[in-house]
Amino acid sequence: MNTTEQKIRDQIANNPILLYMKGTPESPECGFSGSTVAALKKTGYPFNYVNVLASPFIRERLPSVSNWPTFPQLFVSGELVGGCDIVLEMVEDGSLQPMLSQASSAEA
């Protein structure tokens, strides 16, 4: 396994709520990342992020690790939840909050 793939797997394993995004939560660099950050902030649960624009190797490798072609990508408890549309839908229907709660309490 190459080192970039291992780094991605370590990041996913070590961060209960992890968003791979373009830019940062304070300064998203694409509309989809911005919408996803806004939805996550609305839940009130803390999350970690990786700016794929600052990490070209991760940006290049992550889609083959996650089997998801686009960014952002949200991982909760080591599992890919999905991208912007899925996250927005799940926040809206309330199905994401229990996952985030469980992931947050597992970390504590």
N, C-alpha and C. Protein backbone atom coordinates (compact mmCIF):
# COMPACT_ATOMS: atom_id res chain seq x y z
N MET A 1 0.86 -1.18 0.00
CA MET A 1 0.00 0.00 0.00
C MET A 1 0.90 1.24 0.00
N ASN A 2 0.57 2.20 -0.85
CA ASN A 2 1.45 3.37 -0.88
C ASN A 2 1.20 4.27 0.33
N THR A 3 2.11 5.18 0.58
CA THR A 3 2.05 5.98 1.80
C THR A 3 0.88 6.95 1.81
N THR A 4 0.51 7.49 0.65
CA THR A 4 -0.64 8.40 0.61
C THR A 4 -1.91 7.67 1.00
N GLU A 5 -2.09 6.48 0.48
CA GLU A 5 -3.27 5.69 0.83
C GLU A 5 -3.28 5.36 2.32
N GLN A 6 -2.12 5.03 2.86
CA GLN A 6 -2.03 4.72 4.29
C GLN A 6 -2.36 5.97 5.12
N LYS A 7 -1.87 7.11 4.67
CA LYS A 7 -2.15 8.36 5.38
C LYS A 7 -3.65 8.64 5.40
N ILE A 8 -4.31 8.43 4.26
CA ILE A 8 -5.76 8.63 4.17
C ILE A 8 -6.48 7.69 5.13
N ARG A 9 -6.10 6.43 5.10
CA ARG A 9 -6.74 5.44 5.99
C ARG A 9 -6.52 5.80 7.46
N ASP A 10 -5.33 6.30 7.80
CA ASP A 10 -5.04 6.73 9.17
C ASP A 10 -5.90 7.93 9.55
N GLN A 11 -6.02 8.90 8.64
CA GLN A 11 -6.84 10.08 8.91
C GLN A 11 -8.29 9.67 9.18
N ILE A 12 -8.81 8.79 8.35
CA ILE A 12 -10.20 8.34 8.50
C ILE A 12 -10.37 7.57 9.81
N ALA A 13 -9.39 6.74 10.15
CA ALA A 13 -9.47 5.94 11.38
C ALA A 13 -9.33 6.80 12.64
N ASN A 14 -8.54 7.87 12.56
CA ASN A 14 -8.22 8.66 13.76
C ASN A 14 -9.11 9.88 13.97
N ASN A 15 -10.04 10.14 13.06
CA ASN A 15 -10.93 11.29 13.19
C ASN A 15 -12.37 10.82 13.09
N PRO A 16 -13.10 10.81 14.21
CA PRO A 16 -14.47 10.29 14.21
C PRO A 16 -15.38 10.98 13.20
N ILE A 17 -15.18 12.30 13.02
CA ILE A 17 -15.96 13.04 12.02
C ILE A 17 -14.95 13.81 11.18
N LEU A 18 -14.82 13.43 9.92
CA LEU A 18 -13.78 13.99 9.06
C LEU A 18 -14.37 14.38 7.71
N LEU A 19 -14.10 15.63 7.32
CA LEU A 19 -14.57 16.14 6.03
C LEU A 19 -13.37 16.42 5.15
N TYR A 20 -13.32 15.75 4.00
CA TYR A 20 -12.34 16.10 2.97
C TYR A 20 -13.02 17.14 2.11
N MET A 21 -12.41 18.33 2.04
CA MET A 21 -13.09 19.44 1.36
C MET A 21 -12.10 20.30 0.60
N LYS A 22 -12.64 21.19 -0.23
CA LYS A 22 -11.81 22.17 -0.93
C LYS A 22 -11.83 23.45 -0.11
N GLY A 23 -10.65 23.80 0.43
CA GLY A 23 -10.55 24.96 1.30
C GLY A 23 -10.64 24.56 2.75
N THR A 24 -11.02 25.52 3.59
CA THR A 24 -11.14 25.29 5.03
C THR A 24 -12.55 25.66 5.46
N PRO A 25 -12.99 25.21 6.64
CA PRO A 25 -14.33 25.58 7.10
C PRO A 25 -14.53 27.10 7.16
N GLU A 26 -13.47 27.83 7.50
CA GLU A 26 -13.56 29.29 7.57
C GLU A 26 -13.57 29.92 6.18
N SER A 27 -12.98 29.23 5.22
CA SER A 27 -12.85 29.79 3.88
C SER A 27 -12.97 28.69 2.82
N PRO A 28 -14.18 28.14 2.64
CA PRO A 28 -14.38 27.08 1.64
C PRO A 28 -14.06 27.61 0.25
N GLU A 29 -13.49 26.74 -0.58
CA GLU A 29 -13.11 27.17 -1.93
C GLU A 29 -13.98 26.55 -3.01
N CYS A 30 -15.13 26.01 -2.62
CA CYS A 30 -16.13 25.61 -3.60
C CYS A 30 -17.49 25.62 -2.92
N GLY A 31 -18.52 25.85 -3.68
CA GLY A 31 -19.87 25.96 -3.13
C GLY A 31 -20.32 24.71 -2.40
N PHE A 32 -19.97 23.55 -2.95
CA PHE A 32 -20.40 22.29 -2.33
C PHE A 32 -19.74 22.12 -0.96
N SER A 33 -18.44 22.44 -0.88
CA SER A 33 -17.75 22.36 0.41
C SER A 33 -18.37 23.35 1.39
N GLY A 34 -18.67 24.55 0.93
CA GLY A 34 -19.28 25.57 1.78
C GLY A 34 -20.63 25.14 2.32
N SER A 35 -21.45 24.56 1.46
CA SER A 35 -22.78 24.08 1.88
C SER A 35 -22.66 22.95 2.89
N THR A 36 -21.72 22.06 2.67
CA THR A 36 -21.52 20.93 3.57
C THR A 36 -21.05 21.41 4.94
N VAL A 37 -20.09 22.35 4.96
CA VAL A 37 -19.60 22.91 6.22
C VAL A 37 -20.75 23.59 6.97
N ALA A 38 -21.56 24.37 6.26
CA ALA A 38 -22.68 25.07 6.90
C ALA A 38 -23.65 24.07 7.53
N ALA A 39 -23.93 22.98 6.81
CA ALA A 39 -24.84 21.95 7.32
C ALA A 39 -24.24 21.27 8.55
N LEU A 40 -22.95 20.95 8.50
CA LEU A 40 -22.30 20.32 9.65
C LEU A 40 -22.28 21.26 10.86
N LYS A 41 -21.98 22.53 10.63
CA LYS A 41 -21.94 23.49 11.74
C LYS A 41 -23.32 23.60 12.39
N LYS A 42 -24.37 23.48 11.58
CA LYS A 42 -25.74 23.56 12.10
C LYS A 42 -26.02 22.43 13.09
N THR A 43 -25.35 21.30 12.93
CA THR A 43 -25.59 20.17 13.84
C THR A 43 -24.94 20.42 15.20
N GLY A 44 -23.93 21.29 15.25
CA GLY A 44 -23.26 21.60 16.51
C GLY A 44 -22.16 20.63 16.90
N TYR A 45 -21.93 19.60 16.09
CA TYR A 45 -20.88 18.64 16.43
C TYR A 45 -19.55 19.08 15.82
N PRO A 46 -18.46 19.00 16.60
CA PRO A 46 -17.16 19.37 16.05
C PRO A 46 -16.71 18.34 15.02
N PHE A 47 -16.00 18.82 14.02
CA PHE A 47 -15.48 17.91 13.00
C PHE A 47 -14.09 18.37 12.58
N ASN A 48 -13.32 17.43 12.10
CA ASN A 48 -12.00 17.73 11.55
C ASN A 48 -12.12 17.77 10.03
N TYR A 49 -11.13 18.37 9.41
CA TYR A 49 -11.18 18.47 7.95
C TYR A 49 -9.79 18.33 7.36
N VAL A 50 -9.76 18.00 6.09
CA VAL A 50 -8.52 18.00 5.30
C VAL A 50 -8.81 18.84 4.06
N ASN A 51 -7.98 19.85 3.84
CA ASN A 51 -8.10 20.69 2.65
C ASN A 51 -7.40 19.97 1.49
N VAL A 52 -8.19 19.40 0.58
CA VAL A 52 -7.58 18.61 -0.50
C VAL A 52 -6.85 19.50 -1.51
N LEU A 53 -7.15 20.79 -1.53
CA LEU A 53 -6.43 21.69 -2.43
C LEU A 53 -4.99 21.89 -1.95
N ALA A 54 -4.79 21.81 -0.64
CA ALA A 54 -3.44 21.94 -0.07
C ALA A 54 -2.72 20.59 -0.02
N SER A 55 -3.43 19.53 -0.34
CA SER A 55 -2.86 18.17 -0.29
C SER A 55 -3.15 17.45 -1.60
N PRO A 56 -2.42 17.80 -2.67
CA PRO A 56 -2.74 17.24 -3.99
C PRO A 56 -2.66 15.71 -4.06
N PHE A 57 -1.77 15.11 -3.28
CA PHE A 57 -1.66 13.65 -3.32
C PHE A 57 -2.92 13.01 -2.75
N ILE A 58 -3.44 13.59 -1.67
CA ILE A 58 -4.68 13.08 -1.08
C ILE A 58 -5.84 13.32 -2.03
N ARG A 59 -5.87 14.51 -2.62
CA ARG A 59 -6.94 14.83 -3.58
C ARG A 59 -6.97 13.82 -4.72
N GLU A 60 -5.79 13.44 -5.18
CA GLU A 60 -5.67 12.51 -6.30
C GLU A 60 -6.04 11.07 -5.89
N ARG A 61 -5.67 10.68 -4.67
CA ARG A 61 -5.79 9.29 -4.24
C ARG A 61 -7.12 8.94 -3.56
N LEU A 62 -7.71 9.91 -2.85
CA LEU A 62 -8.91 9.62 -2.05
C LEU A 62 -10.05 8.99 -2.85
N PRO A 63 -10.38 9.49 -4.05
CA PRO A 63 -11.51 8.87 -4.76
C PRO A 63 -11.35 7.36 -4.98
N SER A 64 -10.14 6.87 -5.17
CA SER A 64 -9.97 5.43 -5.35
C SER A 64 -10.05 4.68 -4.02
N VAL A 65 -9.74 5.35 -2.91
CA VAL A 65 -9.86 4.72 -1.59
C VAL A 65 -11.33 4.66 -1.17
N SER A 66 -12.05 5.75 -1.41
CA SER A 66 -13.44 5.85 -0.93
C SER A 66 -14.48 5.38 -1.95
N ASN A 67 -14.04 5.21 -3.20
CA ASN A 67 -14.97 4.91 -4.30
C ASN A 67 -16.02 6.01 -4.46
N TRP A 68 -15.59 7.24 -4.24
CA TRP A 68 -16.46 8.41 -4.40
C TRP A 68 -15.66 9.44 -5.20
N PRO A 69 -16.17 9.87 -6.36
CA PRO A 69 -15.34 10.65 -7.28
C PRO A 69 -15.18 12.14 -6.95
N THR A 70 -16.05 12.71 -6.15
CA THR A 70 -16.06 14.16 -6.00
C THR A 70 -15.80 14.59 -4.56
N PHE A 71 -15.59 15.88 -4.38
CA PHE A 71 -15.41 16.48 -3.06
C PHE A 71 -16.52 17.48 -2.84
N PRO A 72 -16.95 17.68 -1.60
CA PRO A 72 -16.43 17.13 -0.36
C PRO A 72 -16.83 15.67 -0.14
N GLN A 73 -16.15 15.04 0.83
CA GLN A 73 -16.49 13.68 1.26
C GLN A 73 -16.50 13.68 2.78
N LEU A 74 -17.61 13.24 3.35
CA LEU A 74 -17.74 13.18 4.81
C LEU A 74 -17.62 11.74 5.28
N PHE A 75 -16.72 11.54 6.25
CA PHE A 75 -16.56 10.24 6.89
C PHE A 75 -16.98 10.36 8.34
N VAL A 76 -17.80 9.43 8.80
CA VAL A 76 -18.21 9.38 10.21
C VAL A 76 -17.91 7.98 10.72
N SER A 77 -17.16 7.91 11.81
CA SER A 77 -16.76 6.62 12.41
C SER A 77 -16.12 5.69 11.37
N GLY A 78 -15.29 6.26 10.52
CA GLY A 78 -14.55 5.46 9.55
C GLY A 78 -15.31 5.08 8.30
N GLU A 79 -16.58 5.47 8.20
CA GLU A 79 -17.40 5.11 7.05
C GLU A 79 -17.72 6.34 6.21
N LEU A 80 -17.67 6.19 4.90
CA LEU A 80 -18.06 7.28 4.00
C LEU A 80 -19.56 7.50 4.09
N VAL A 81 -19.96 8.71 4.44
CA VAL A 81 -21.38 9.07 4.45
C VAL A 81 -21.77 9.51 3.05
N GLY A 82 -20.96 10.38 2.45
CA GLY A 82 -21.23 10.85 1.10
C GLY A 82 -20.77 12.27 0.91
N GLY A 83 -21.29 12.89 -0.16
CA GLY A 83 -20.92 14.24 -0.51
C GLY A 83 -21.97 15.24 -0.09
N CYS A 84 -21.92 16.40 -0.69
CA CYS A 84 -22.76 17.53 -0.31
C CYS A 84 -24.25 17.20 -0.29
N ASP A 85 -24.79 16.69 -1.38
CA ASP A 85 -26.24 16.44 -1.46
C ASP A 85 -26.70 15.48 -0.37
N ILE A 86 -25.94 14.42 -0.16
CA ILE A 86 -26.32 13.41 0.84
C ILE A 86 -26.25 14.02 2.24
N VAL A 87 -25.19 14.78 2.53
CA VAL A 87 -25.06 15.39 3.86
C VAL A 87 -26.21 16.36 4.11
N LEU A 88 -26.52 17.21 3.12
CA LEU A 88 -27.61 18.18 3.29
C LEU A 88 -28.93 17.46 3.53
N GLU A 89 -29.17 16.42 2.77
CA GLU A 89 -30.40 15.64 2.91
C GLU A 89 -30.50 15.01 4.31
N MET A 90 -29.38 14.45 4.77
CA MET A 90 -29.38 13.76 6.07
C MET A 90 -29.51 14.75 7.23
N VAL A 91 -28.94 15.94 7.11
CA VAL A 91 -29.11 16.96 8.15
C VAL A 91 -30.57 17.39 8.17
N GLU A 92 -31.13 17.57 6.98
CA GLU A 92 -32.52 18.00 6.85
C GLU A 92 -33.49 16.99 7.46
N ASP A 93 -33.28 15.70 7.17
CA ASP A 93 -34.23 14.69 7.66
C ASP A 93 -33.87 14.16 9.05
N GLY A 94 -32.75 14.68 9.61
CA GLY A 94 -32.39 14.31 10.98
C GLY A 94 -31.61 13.02 11.12
N SER A 95 -31.28 12.37 10.02
CA SER A 95 -30.61 11.07 10.13
C SER A 95 -29.10 11.18 10.38
N LEU A 96 -28.52 12.35 10.13
CA LEU A 96 -27.07 12.48 10.34
C LEU A 96 -26.73 12.73 11.81
N GLN A 97 -27.58 13.46 12.51
CA GLN A 97 -27.29 13.84 13.89
C GLN A 97 -26.99 12.65 14.80
N PRO A 98 -27.79 11.57 14.78
CA PRO A 98 -27.46 10.42 15.64
C PRO A 98 -26.09 9.81 15.32
N MET A 99 -25.73 9.78 14.03
CA MET A 99 -24.41 9.25 13.64
C MET A 99 -23.31 10.13 14.22
N LEU A 100 -23.48 11.45 14.12
CA LEU A 100 -22.49 12.39 14.63
C LEU A 100 -22.39 12.29 16.14
N SER A 101 -23.54 12.14 16.80
CA SER A 101 -23.58 12.02 18.25
C SER A 101 -22.81 10.79 18.69
N GLN A 102 -23.06 9.70 18.04
CA GLN A 102 -22.39 8.44 18.38
C GLN A 102 -20.88 8.56 18.15
N ALA A 103 -20.50 9.15 17.03
CA ALA A 103 -19.08 9.32 16.72
C ALA A 103 -18.40 10.23 17.74
N SER A 104 -19.09 11.31 18.12
CA SER A 104 -18.53 12.26 19.09
C SER A 104 -18.36 11.62 20.46
N SER A 105 -19.37 10.84 20.88
CA SER A 105 -19.27 10.23 22.21
C SER A 105 -18.26 9.10 22.23
N ALA A 106 -18.04 8.45 21.10
CA ALA A 106 -17.04 7.39 21.04
C ALA A 106 -15.65 7.98 21.22
N GLU A 107 -15.48 9.22 20.78
CA GLU A 107 -14.16 9.86 20.87
C GLU A 107 -13.85 10.28 22.31
N ALA A 108 -14.89 10.65 23.05
CA ALA A 108 -14.69 11.22 24.40
C ALA A 108 -14.08 10.22 25.38
